Amino acid sequence: MIGSIGSRLRLVLRQPDGSVVAIGEDAVEELPEVEFVAYAEDGRLSGRVRLDSSRLTDMLNTHDEFQLEHVLVERLTPDGGTMIIPEFLVRRDELLLVQASGPRGDKTRRIRTMARAITVHSGPYLVFGDVHTTPGLDPLLFFRRRQPMVPLTDAVIEYAGTYGPVREFADVVIVNRDLMDWVRRTDADATPARTSGGLRRPTH
């Protein structure tokens, strides 16, 4: 369910219980729907969203603002807490990371790439993942030349949660390059091992 006005994109996030807000008759029901988790400086926004492009990365790079509805918010402050907000306008320059499932792009348009491990520090988050570059190109140079939102595959996100350290695994994490503190190559020994359980939180 998407309607676009200028550089602003109106999105509806569907919660696990199926609750959703209809936008109108022009909603594009046939568009794919994916899990969506956005990481801001002090919290996370989560739900499901329909894509207006073949990939979430493309959609995030195309629009400057996102009107989210029925958003589950998790505070990452010491007092913690969660809530559902009916409407939430968020700018791309407020999103440090976005975690998503869904298509990785049109296979017919893919070119041969090489996965190179990098580490990104952005606000309270440390992200390990692979950036895909053309063979022979420096991965950091490639990373810095991309559009603001850059996808990393086979990624790990680490941060301090309300109840202690958190480590999460994701197939794709999209990093806002404009908001990162630093990026560097990752030594193989420094990359956290992925478990068979996939996305995981620690047991409290």
C-alpha atoms as a PDB file:
ATOM      1  CA  MET A   1       0.000   0.000   0.000  1.00  0.00           C
ATOM      2  CA  ILE A   2       2.026   2.914  -1.269  1.00  0.00           C
ATOM      3  CA  GLY A   3       1.328   6.424  -2.478  1.00  0.00           C
ATOM      4  CA  SER A   4       4.196   8.736  -3.435  1.00  0.00           C
ATOM      5  CA  ILE A   5       4.177  12.553  -3.467  1.00  0.00           C
ATOM      6  CA  GLY A   6       7.404  14.201  -4.602  1.00  0.00           C
ATOM      7  CA  SER A   7      10.286  12.931  -2.510  1.00  0.00           C
ATOM      8  CA  ARG A   8       7.988  11.784   0.306  1.00  0.00           C
ATOM      9  CA  LEU A   9       6.860   8.164   0.387  1.00  0.00           C
ATOM     10  CA  ARG A  10       3.791   7.082   2.309  1.00  0.00           C
ATOM     11  CA  LEU A  11       4.143   3.596   3.756  1.00  0.00           C
ATOM     12  CA  VAL A  12       1.922   1.396   5.848  1.00  0.00           C
ATOM     13  CA  LEU A  13       3.592  -1.059   8.205  1.00  0.00           C
ATOM     14  CA  ARG A  14       1.567  -4.212   8.916  1.00  0.00           C
ATOM     15  CA  GLN A  15       1.963  -5.640  12.411  1.00  0.00           C
ATOM     16  CA  PRO A  16       2.132  -9.400  13.154  1.00  0.00           C
ATOM     17  CA  ASP A  17      -1.515  -9.365  14.297  1.00  0.00           C
ATOM     18  CA  GLY A  18      -2.513  -8.229  10.802  1.00  0.00           C
ATOM     19  CA  SER A  19      -3.558  -4.686  11.748  1.00  0.00           C
ATOM     20  CA  VAL A  20      -3.076  -2.213   8.916  1.00  0.00           C
ATOM     21  CA  VAL A  21      -4.300   1.202   7.787  1.00  0.00           C
ATOM     22  CA  ALA A  22      -5.681   1.454   4.231  1.00  0.00           C
ATOM     23  CA  ILE A  23      -4.437   4.377   2.130  1.00  0.00           C
ATOM     24  CA  GLY A  24      -7.083   4.433  -0.576  1.00  0.00           C
ATOM     25  CA  GLU A  25      -8.196   2.954  -3.846  1.00  0.00           C
ATOM     26  CA  ASP A  26      -4.856   3.646  -5.521  1.00  0.00           C
ATOM     27  CA  ALA A  27      -3.020   1.269  -3.156  1.00  0.00           C
ATOM     28  CA  VAL A  28      -0.735  -1.058  -5.059  1.00  0.00           C
ATOM     29  CA  GLU A  29      -1.680  -4.433  -3.600  1.00  0.00           C
ATOM     30  CA  GLU A  30       0.439  -6.478  -5.975  1.00  0.00           C
ATOM     31  CA  LEU A  31       3.723  -5.008  -4.761  1.00  0.00           C
ATOM     32  CA  PRO A  32       5.875  -7.328  -2.618  1.00  0.00           C
ATOM     33  CA  GLU A  33       5.699  -6.986   1.146  1.00  0.00           C
ATOM     34  CA  VAL A  34       8.806  -7.358   3.306  1.00  0.00           C
ATOM     35  CA  GLU A  35       9.827  -7.216   6.941  1.00  0.00           C
ATOM     36  CA  PHE A  36      11.142  -3.770   7.872  1.00  0.00           C
ATOM     37  CA  VAL A  37      13.194  -2.823  10.935  1.00  0.00           C
ATOM     38  CA  ALA A  38      14.694   0.673  11.089  1.00  0.00           C
ATOM     39  CA  TYR A  39      17.376   1.610  13.626  1.00  0.00           C
ATOM     40  CA  ALA A  40      17.532   5.209  14.842  1.00  0.00           C
ATOM     41  CA  GLU A  41      19.839   6.793  17.407  1.00  0.00           C
ATOM     42  CA  ASP A  42      17.698   5.807  20.403  1.00  0.00           C
ATOM     43  CA  GLY A  43      15.303   3.141  19.177  1.00  0.00           C
ATOM     44  CA  ARG A  44      13.889   0.782  16.546  1.00  0.00           C
ATOM     45  CA  LEU A  45      10.819   0.993  14.320  1.00  0.00           C
ATOM     46  CA  SER A  46       9.449  -2.293  13.029  1.00  0.00           C
ATOM     47  CA  GLY A  47       6.677  -3.777  10.935  1.00  0.00           C
ATOM     48  CA  ARG A  48       6.086  -4.831   7.331  1.00  0.00           C
ATOM     49  CA  VAL A  49       6.133  -2.656   4.225  1.00  0.00           C
ATOM     50  CA  ARG A  50       5.282  -2.913   0.532  1.00  0.00           C
ATOM     51  CA  LEU A  51       8.030  -1.967  -1.895  1.00  0.00           C
ATOM     52  CA  ASP A  52       7.695   0.621  -4.643  1.00  0.00           C
ATOM     53  CA  SER A  53      10.932  -0.615  -6.242  1.00  0.00           C
ATOM     54  CA  SER A  54      12.496  -3.990  -6.876  1.00  0.00           C
ATOM     55  CA  ARG A  55      14.605  -3.615  -3.721  1.00  0.00           C
ATOM     56  CA  LEU A  56      14.203  -1.783  -0.421  1.00  0.00           C
ATOM     57  CA  THR A  57      17.654  -0.248  -0.948  1.00  0.00           C
ATOM     58  CA  ASP A  58      16.464   1.428  -4.157  1.00  0.00           C
ATOM     59  CA  MET A  59      13.334   2.729  -2.441  1.00  0.00           C
ATOM     60  CA  LEU A  60      15.303   4.183   0.473  1.00  0.00           C
ATOM     61  CA  ASN A  61      17.695   5.946  -1.890  1.00  0.00           C
ATOM     62  CA  THR A  62      14.859   7.387  -3.982  1.00  0.00           C
ATOM     63  CA  HIS A  63      12.860   9.098  -1.225  1.00  0.00           C
ATOM     64  CA  ASP A  64      13.819  11.563   1.520  1.00  0.00           C
ATOM     65  CA  GLU A  65      10.898  11.090   3.923  1.00  0.00           C
ATOM     66  CA  PHE A  66       8.786   8.102   4.915  1.00  0.00           C
ATOM     67  CA  GLN A  67       5.336   8.338   6.488  1.00  0.00           C
ATOM     68  CA  LEU A  68       4.991   5.191   8.576  1.00  0.00           C
ATOM     69  CA  GLU A  69       1.730   3.982  10.103  1.00  0.00           C
ATOM     70  CA  HIS A  70       1.010   1.453  12.885  1.00  0.00           C
ATOM     71  CA  VAL A  71       4.667   1.450  13.879  1.00  0.00           C
ATOM     72  CA  LEU A  72       6.006  -0.694  16.697  1.00  0.00           C
ATOM     73  CA  VAL A  73       8.613   1.400  18.520  1.00  0.00           C
ATOM     74  CA  GLU A  74      11.219  -0.078  20.855  1.00  0.00           C
ATOM     75  CA  ARG A  75      13.216   2.353  22.973  1.00  0.00           C
ATOM     76  CA  LEU A  76      16.898   1.490  23.404  1.00  0.00           C
ATOM     77  CA  THR A  77      17.302   3.876  26.339  1.00  0.00           C
ATOM     78  CA  PRO A  78      17.978   2.644  29.919  1.00  0.00           C
ATOM     79  CA  ASP A  79      14.277   2.803  30.839  1.00  0.00           C
ATOM     80  CA  GLY A  80      13.356   0.803  27.717  1.00  0.00           C
ATOM     81  CA  GLY A  81       9.726   0.218  26.761  1.00  0.00           C
ATOM     82  CA  THR A  82       7.714  -0.385  23.594  1.00  0.00           C
ATOM     83  CA  MET A  83       4.654   1.241  22.042  1.00  0.00           C
ATOM     84  CA  ILE A  84       2.616   1.347  18.844  1.00  0.00           C
ATOM     85  CA  ILE A  85       2.352   4.774  17.214  1.00  0.00           C
ATOM     86  CA  PRO A  86      -0.458   5.377  14.693  1.00  0.00           C
ATOM     87  CA  GLU A  87       1.650   7.650  12.467  1.00  0.00           C
ATOM     88  CA  PHE A  88       5.332   8.495  12.374  1.00  0.00           C
ATOM     89  CA  LEU A  89       7.144  10.700   9.857  1.00  0.00           C
ATOM     90  CA  VAL A  90      10.797   9.755   9.596  1.00  0.00           C
ATOM     91  CA  ARG A  91      13.475  11.229   7.380  1.00  0.00           C
ATOM     92  CA  ARG A  92      16.152   9.148   5.730  1.00  0.00           C
ATOM     93  CA  ASP A  93      18.767  11.223   7.573  1.00  0.00           C
ATOM     94  CA  GLU A  94      17.340   9.865  10.863  1.00  0.00           C
ATOM     95  CA  LEU A  95      17.776   6.207   9.891  1.00  0.00           C
ATOM     96  CA  LEU A  96      21.178   4.780  10.759  1.00  0.00           C
ATOM     97  CA  LEU A  97      20.394   1.225   9.631  1.00  0.00           C
ATOM     98  CA  VAL A  98      17.535  -0.662   8.037  1.00  0.00           C
ATOM     99  CA  GLN A  99      17.146  -4.426   8.248  1.00  0.00           C
ATOM    100  CA  ALA A 100      14.914  -6.135   5.719  1.00  0.00           C
ATOM    101  CA  SER A 101      13.981  -9.351   4.025  1.00  0.00           C
ATOM    102  CA  GLY A 102      12.778  -9.571   0.459  1.00  0.00           C
ATOM    103  CA  PRO A 103      14.162  -9.468  -3.096  1.00  0.00           C
ATOM    104  CA  ARG A 104      17.814  -8.657  -3.731  1.00  0.00           C
ATOM    105  CA  GLY A 105      17.180  -7.253  -7.186  1.00  0.00           C
ATOM    106  CA  ASP A 106      16.586  -8.402 -10.740  1.00  0.00           C
ATOM    107  CA  LYS A 107      18.851 -11.400 -11.425  1.00  0.00           C
ATOM    108  CA  THR A 108      19.071 -10.476 -15.120  1.00  0.00           C
ATOM    109  CA  ARG A 109      20.715  -7.150 -14.214  1.00  0.00           C
ATOM    110  CA  ARG A 110      23.288  -8.543 -11.797  1.00  0.00           C
ATOM    111  CA  ILE A 111      26.983  -8.378 -12.551  1.00  0.00           C
ATOM    112  CA  ARG A 112      29.751 -10.533 -11.136  1.00  0.00           C
ATOM    113  CA  THR A 113      30.849  -9.231  -7.750  1.00  0.00           C
ATOM    114  CA  MET A 114      33.127 -10.169  -4.883  1.00  0.00           C
ATOM    115  CA  ALA A 115      31.992 -10.137  -1.251  1.00  0.00           C
ATOM    116  CA  ARG A 116      34.399  -8.187   0.941  1.00  0.00           C
ATOM    117  CA  ALA A 117      33.990  -8.004   4.717  1.00  0.00           C
ATOM    118  CA  ILE A 118      33.774  -4.567   6.320  1.00  0.00           C
ATOM    119  CA  THR A 119      32.839  -3.136   9.720  1.00  0.00           C
ATOM    120  CA  VAL A 120      30.722  -0.005  10.120  1.00  0.00           C
ATOM    121  CA  HIS A 121      30.197   1.998  13.312  1.00  0.00           C
ATOM    122  CA  SER A 122      27.083   4.177  13.300  1.00  0.00           C
ATOM    123  CA  GLY A 123      25.822   5.804  16.505  1.00  0.00           C
ATOM    124  CA  PRO A 124      25.297   3.046  19.098  1.00  0.00           C
ATOM    125  CA  TYR A 125      25.542   0.261  16.492  1.00  0.00           C
ATOM    126  CA  LEU A 126      28.457  -1.833  15.261  1.00  0.00           C
ATOM    127  CA  VAL A 127      27.740  -3.660  12.000  1.00  0.00           C
ATOM    128  CA  PHE A 128      29.752  -6.482  10.414  1.00  0.00           C
ATOM    129  CA  GLY A 129      28.847  -7.524   6.881  1.00  0.00           C
ATOM    130  CA  ASP A 130      29.875  -8.046   3.262  1.00  0.00           C
ATOM    131  CA  VAL A 131      29.856  -5.277   0.685  1.00  0.00           C
ATOM    132  CA  HIS A 132      29.707  -6.584  -2.891  1.00  0.00           C
ATOM    133  CA  THR A 133      32.204  -4.942  -5.243  1.00  0.00           C
ATOM    134  CA  THR A 134      33.465  -5.577  -8.739  1.00  0.00           C
ATOM    135  CA  PRO A 135      36.656  -7.692  -8.650  1.00  0.00           C
ATOM    136  CA  GLY A 136      39.802  -5.652  -8.100  1.00  0.00           C
ATOM    137  CA  LEU A 137      38.037  -2.576  -6.686  1.00  0.00           C
ATOM    138  CA  ASP A 138      38.892  -1.420  -3.174  1.00  0.00           C
ATOM    139  CA  PRO A 139      35.819  -2.219  -0.999  1.00  0.00           C
ATOM    140  CA  LEU A 140      36.089   1.000   1.036  1.00  0.00           C
ATOM    141  CA  LEU A 141      36.339   3.117  -2.102  1.00  0.00           C
ATOM    142  CA  PHE A 142      33.328   1.317  -3.555  1.00  0.00           C
ATOM    143  CA  PHE A 143      31.392   1.781  -0.304  1.00  0.00           C
ATOM    144  CA  ARG A 144      32.053   5.529  -0.242  1.00  0.00           C
ATOM    145  CA  ARG A 145      31.023   5.984  -3.885  1.00  0.00           C
ATOM    146  CA  ARG A 146      27.613   4.347  -3.504  1.00  0.00           C
ATOM    147  CA  GLN A 147      24.325   6.154  -2.904  1.00  0.00           C
ATOM    148  CA  PRO A 148      23.670   6.954   0.790  1.00  0.00           C
ATOM    149  CA  MET A 149      21.927   3.674   1.658  1.00  0.00           C
ATOM    150  CA  VAL A 150      24.350   0.775   1.091  1.00  0.00           C
ATOM    151  CA  PRO A 151      23.379  -2.901   1.568  1.00  0.00           C
ATOM    152  CA  LEU A 152      25.606  -5.338   3.473  1.00  0.00           C
ATOM    153  CA  THR A 153      24.847  -9.054   3.272  1.00  0.00           C
ATOM    154  CA  ASP A 154      25.304 -11.799   5.914  1.00  0.00           C
ATOM    155  CA  ALA A 155      25.376  -9.047   8.507  1.00  0.00           C
ATOM    156  CA  VAL A 156      25.659  -8.846  12.291  1.00  0.00           C
ATOM    157  CA  ILE A 157      24.448  -5.871  14.355  1.00  0.00           C
ATOM    158  CA  GLU A 158      25.782  -5.340  17.880  1.00  0.00           C
ATOM    159  CA  TYR A 159      24.543  -2.727  20.348  1.00  0.00           C
ATOM    160  CA  ALA A 160      23.747  -2.128  24.012  1.00  0.00           C
ATOM    161  CA  GLY A 161      20.119  -3.032  24.662  1.00  0.00           C
ATOM    162  CA  THR A 162      17.973  -2.235  27.678  1.00  0.00           C
ATOM    163  CA  TYR A 163      18.903  -5.539  29.339  1.00  0.00           C
ATOM    164  CA  GLY A 164      22.491  -5.816  28.149  1.00  0.00           C
ATOM    165  CA  PRO A 165      24.498  -6.419  24.964  1.00  0.00           C
ATOM    166  CA  VAL A 166      22.506  -7.498  21.891  1.00  0.00           C
ATOM    167  CA  ARG A 167      23.754  -9.321  18.807  1.00  0.00           C
ATOM    168  CA  GLU A 168      21.402  -9.711  15.834  1.00  0.00           C
ATOM    169  CA  PHE A 169      21.948 -11.539  12.538  1.00  0.00           C
ATOM    170  CA  ALA A 170      20.346 -10.524   9.242  1.00  0.00           C
ATOM    171  CA  ASP A 171      20.630 -11.526   5.602  1.00  0.00           C
ATOM    172  CA  VAL A 172      20.747  -7.842   4.612  1.00  0.00           C
ATOM    173  CA  VAL A 173      21.413  -4.662   6.609  1.00  0.00           C
ATOM    174  CA  ILE A 174      21.219  -1.355   4.750  1.00  0.00           C
ATOM    175  CA  VAL A 175      23.641   1.206   6.185  1.00  0.00           C
ATOM    176  CA  ASN A 176      23.149   4.958   5.910  1.00  0.00           C
ATOM    177  CA  ARG A 177      26.637   5.915   4.817  1.00  0.00           C
ATOM    178  CA  ASP A 178      25.993   9.632   5.483  1.00  0.00           C
ATOM    179  CA  LEU A 179      25.431   8.976   9.211  1.00  0.00           C
ATOM    180  CA  MET A 180      28.175   6.469   9.939  1.00  0.00           C
ATOM    181  CA  ASP A 181      31.076   7.289  12.273  1.00  0.00           C
ATOM    182  CA  TRP A 182      33.645   5.123  10.488  1.00  0.00           C
ATOM    183  CA  VAL A 183      34.121   2.142   8.180  1.00  0.00           C
ATOM    184  CA  ARG A 184      37.048  -0.262   7.845  1.00  0.00           C
ATOM    185  CA  ARG A 185      37.943  -3.640   6.413  1.00  0.00           C
ATOM    186  CA  THR A 186      37.196  -6.596   8.665  1.00  0.00           C
ATOM    187  CA  ASP A 187      39.694  -9.320   9.515  1.00  0.00           C
ATOM    188  CA  ALA A 188      38.194 -12.795   9.237  1.00  0.00           C
ATOM    189  CA  ASP A 189      38.944 -13.514  12.908  1.00  0.00           C
ATOM    190  CA  ALA A 190      37.059 -10.373  13.988  1.00  0.00           C
ATOM    191  CA  THR A 191      33.727 -11.282  12.355  1.00  0.00           C
ATOM    192  CA  PRO A 192      31.153 -12.753  14.779  1.00  0.00           C
ATOM    193  CA  ALA A 193      30.067 -16.269  13.826  1.00  0.00           C
ATOM    194  CA  ARG A 194      26.542 -16.693  12.508  1.00  0.00           C
ATOM    195  CA  THR A 195      24.478 -19.285  14.357  1.00  0.00           C
ATOM    196  CA  SER A 196      21.987 -21.668  12.772  1.00  0.00           C
ATOM    197  CA  GLY A 197      19.213 -19.813  14.554  1.00  0.00           C
ATOM    198  CA  GLY A 198      19.538 -16.743  12.340  1.00  0.00           C
ATOM    199  CA  LEU A 199      18.196 -13.568  13.923  1.00  0.00           C
ATOM    200  CA  ARG A 200      18.719 -13.916  17.636  1.00  0.00           C
ATOM    201  CA  ARG A 201      18.571 -11.970  20.885  1.00  0.00           C
ATOM    202  CA  PRO A 202      20.383 -12.947  24.059  1.00  0.00           C
ATOM    203  CA  THR A 203      18.523 -14.753  26.832  1.00  0.00           C
ATOM    204  CA  HIS A 204      17.986 -12.566  29.875  1.00  0.00           C
END
